[in-house]
């Protein structure tokens, strides 16, 4: 029986995993962070990589350690009702409601709009239609995902991106040390970068992509649980190393660019200005290719993973092909609402889901030390939901009104919680629930 992957297989699997993770947000958020962090870019990058690189890696390892078949089986360690709630909400957020439409819209905003005289709606409709036709075509062939992403799209993406990064390293636009940090990066560079890492959605996606990774490793002949875990961790570390390296360079590019182009309203605009600075109009076309390929490969992975999961969760509703069509169509419709709307609505749900995901991953990693007792999972998650749920309610109410007794009271409660100033108030509650669960287990 085969016990490990060859070097070539490991590289291809790591390439596939990197390709699934690295989408549009992974390109534009570090650049924007670098522009704002300036001389504090290194500290901000470390914080960003904790949630943008470290947590996704831990999520993949947690899936392998718990021998979970999918997100549902892992979250079932808390309870079946929670598993349905968490799995559906997570997949909808990283799928057709936010992440997939964002991928198409970011591709258009960064790669196409700057080349036009104006942002024309029908062009977005046409672009997003062609984008999702391509996504659906590849997604309807899930068994080929290692070839599509690992051998074709990701190497192509890295080839284009390396041209831009190499130019920035050889001919920097300015000195990072001369750029003063702004906003929260002045005093809280690490924790601000930590929260910025949420926007990549990679920790959430790790629970979805981890299953694809494990299935691919099984299809390559690794069958034993321990051997699958070793191959998973090895591929994950290789992928994570290159993600960290690229994040560091992109953040550096953003910080250096401030000397010539100032601070842009978002990372996409900054990235286009950087590309144009080095290569003129050809730079804009190059960036368009980079962004579109990045978004395409991530969207293929998401549609594939979500369709497979919903087929298992709701077998009576329809086949894999039916779900793939539904999610592609819904993503197409939402993409045409525009990037600003998608980003504004997605943030509250990310702030709600991330603490739950982090806690689930950590409990999965530590589970053997408390025998995977359900009570520990339940109590830790219950106390975490109290705080993340409060943040979600406040954010939703804020869409309609930011005044009134209810809103003011909830804001006051939120600000009174420990570590609320750095967005980490859920940590104390999660630890409290964990301790109660352990005591309950002993009793």
Foldseek 3Di string as FASTA:
>chain_A
DDQADDPVVLQLLLQLLLLQQQAQLLQWLLLLLLQQLQLNSVLLLVLLLCLQQVLLLLLLLLCLLLVPLAQLRLLCLQNNVSSVVLVVLLLVLCFQQFVLLLLLQLLCVQQPQVVDPHDDLVVSLVSLVVLLVLLLVLLVVLVCSSCPRSVPLSVVLCVLVVVLLVLCVVPPLADSNVRHHDDPSNPPSNLVSNLSSLVSVSSSCSRLVSSVSLVVVVVVPNDDSVSSSVSSSSSSVVSSVVSSVVSSSSSSNSSRQCVPPNNDPTRSVSCCVSLCVRPNVVSSNSVSSNNSSSSSSNNSSSLNRSLVVVCVVCVPVDHSSVSSVVRSVSSSVSSSVHNVVSVLVSVLSSLLSVLLSSLSSVCSVCVVVLVSNNLLSNQLNVLLNVLSVLSSVLSVVVVPDCDDDVNVVSVVVQVVAPPSVSSPSSVVSSVVSNVVSSVVSVD
